[in-house]
């Protein structure tokens, strides 16, 4: 069974940092383009970052450009983006998935709350 499990979320003050992780099991994702998505309350899920298997093709949404860094470890199936300078508008549940996303791969996500 393929699983993507996100972790690392939490409560942080504006300007703070968090490091999320995505652990994959059930298959190798080493040749997939992977991405981080988020869904804020009342909004549609959006993709915020993506990285290909070579780690050279990296794309960020304008909303996180310069603040988020995406990385991956193909050997361990981990996808770990440090998120810096967090803002209240970053409040959301964060998910990892392939690109394009596969419905069966959505996990529970990890909640990020930015508040003073």
Protein backbone atom coordinates (compact mmCIF):
# COMPACT_ATOMS: atom_id res chain seq x y z
CA UNK A 1 0.00 0.00 0.00
CA UNK A 2 1.38 3.35 -1.03
CA UNK A 3 1.47 5.93 1.72
CA UNK A 4 2.70 9.50 1.98
CA UNK A 5 2.88 10.70 5.57
CA UNK A 6 3.48 14.35 6.34
CA UNK A 7 4.87 15.64 9.63
CA UNK A 8 6.56 18.64 11.20
CA UNK A 9 3.71 21.11 11.35
CA UNK A 10 2.84 23.11 14.40
CA UNK A 11 2.26 26.53 15.86
CA UNK A 12 4.84 29.18 15.09
CA UNK A 13 4.99 32.94 15.45
CA UNK A 14 5.11 35.19 12.37
CA UNK A 15 8.65 35.27 11.04
CA UNK A 16 9.44 31.86 12.44
CA UNK A 17 10.42 28.67 10.69
CA UNK A 18 9.22 25.12 10.40
CA UNK A 19 10.59 22.09 8.66
CA UNK A 20 8.08 19.69 7.18
CA UNK A 21 8.82 16.16 6.12
CA UNK A 22 7.15 13.65 3.88
CA UNK A 23 7.82 9.96 4.33
CA UNK A 24 6.90 7.69 1.48
CA UNK A 25 6.37 3.96 1.64
CA UNK A 26 4.95 1.23 -0.51
CA UNK A 27 6.90 2.19 -3.61
CA UNK A 28 9.83 4.26 -4.74
CA UNK A 29 9.15 7.83 -5.75
CA UNK A 30 12.71 8.45 -6.88
CA UNK A 31 11.72 9.03 -10.52
CA UNK A 32 8.61 11.07 -9.81
CA UNK A 33 8.22 14.80 -9.76
CA UNK A 34 7.12 15.52 -6.19
CA UNK A 35 5.48 18.52 -4.69
CA UNK A 36 4.13 20.21 -1.62
CA UNK A 37 0.53 21.38 -1.63
CA UNK A 38 -1.48 23.28 0.95
CA UNK A 39 -5.10 23.97 1.70
CA UNK A 40 -6.16 26.93 3.78
CA UNK A 41 -9.61 27.09 5.43
CA UNK A 42 -12.25 27.92 2.87
CA UNK A 43 -9.83 27.77 -0.04
CA UNK A 44 -8.93 25.25 -2.70
CA UNK A 45 -5.79 23.19 -2.38
CA UNK A 46 -2.84 24.79 -4.13
CA UNK A 47 0.61 23.58 -5.09
CA UNK A 48 3.37 25.59 -3.47
CA UNK A 49 6.55 23.82 -4.58
CA UNK A 50 7.76 21.06 -6.84
CA UNK A 51 11.01 19.22 -7.45
CA UNK A 52 11.95 16.69 -10.11
CA UNK A 53 14.04 13.58 -9.58
CA UNK A 54 17.25 15.29 -10.67
CA UNK A 55 16.65 18.00 -8.03
CA UNK A 56 17.49 20.59 -10.69
CA UNK A 57 14.00 21.56 -11.82
CA UNK A 58 12.46 23.33 -8.84
CA UNK A 59 9.44 25.58 -8.99
CA UNK A 60 7.82 27.66 -6.28
CA UNK A 61 4.51 29.45 -6.15
CA UNK A 62 4.87 33.23 -6.04
CA UNK A 63 3.38 33.22 -2.55
CA UNK A 64 6.31 31.25 -1.10
CA UNK A 65 9.17 32.17 -3.45
CA UNK A 66 12.25 33.12 -1.45
CA UNK A 67 10.86 31.77 1.82
CA UNK A 68 10.39 28.07 1.20
CA UNK A 69 13.06 25.63 0.08
CA UNK A 70 12.16 22.22 -1.24
CA UNK A 71 14.51 19.27 -1.17
CA UNK A 72 14.37 15.52 -1.48
CA UNK A 73 16.32 12.40 -0.65
CA UNK A 74 15.59 9.84 -3.33
CA UNK A 75 17.24 7.06 -1.36
CA UNK A 76 15.00 7.53 1.64
CA UNK A 77 11.91 8.86 -0.06
CA UNK A 78 11.90 11.95 2.13
CA UNK A 79 10.84 15.39 0.98
CA UNK A 80 11.80 18.09 3.45
CA UNK A 81 11.26 21.76 2.78
CA UNK A 82 12.40 24.26 5.40
CA UNK A 83 9.91 27.07 5.51
CA UNK A 84 11.28 30.40 6.66
CA UNK A 85 9.75 33.76 7.45
CA UNK A 86 6.33 32.28 7.94
CA UNK A 87 3.32 34.56 7.60
CA UNK A 88 -0.28 34.25 8.84
CA UNK A 89 -1.32 33.62 5.24
CA UNK A 90 0.74 30.42 5.34
CA UNK A 91 -1.82 28.92 7.72
CA UNK A 92 -2.92 25.72 6.04
CA UNK A 93 -2.74 21.97 6.03
CA UNK A 94 0.32 20.90 4.04
CA UNK A 95 0.45 17.78 1.92
CA UNK A 96 2.99 16.07 -0.29
CA UNK A 97 2.08 14.23 -3.45
CA UNK A 98 3.29 13.52 -6.93
CA UNK A 99 2.89 15.97 -9.77
CA UNK A 100 0.35 15.63 -11.14
CA UNK A 101 -1.23 14.58 -7.88
CA UNK A 102 -2.69 11.11 -7.54
CA UNK A 103 -5.92 10.94 -5.58
CA UNK A 104 -4.95 7.73 -3.84
CA UNK A 105 -1.75 9.24 -2.47
CA UNK A 106 -3.21 12.05 -0.39
CA UNK A 107 -2.28 11.66 3.27
CA UNK A 108 -3.66 13.38 6.33
CA UNK A 109 -1.39 16.35 5.90
CA UNK A 110 0.25 18.38 8.64
CA UNK A 111 -1.23 21.57 10.08
CA UNK A 112 0.82 24.76 10.03
CA UNK A 113 -0.49 27.59 12.16
CA UNK A 114 1.23 30.96 12.12
CA UNK A 115 0.02 33.18 14.90
CA UNK A 116 1.31 35.50 17.56
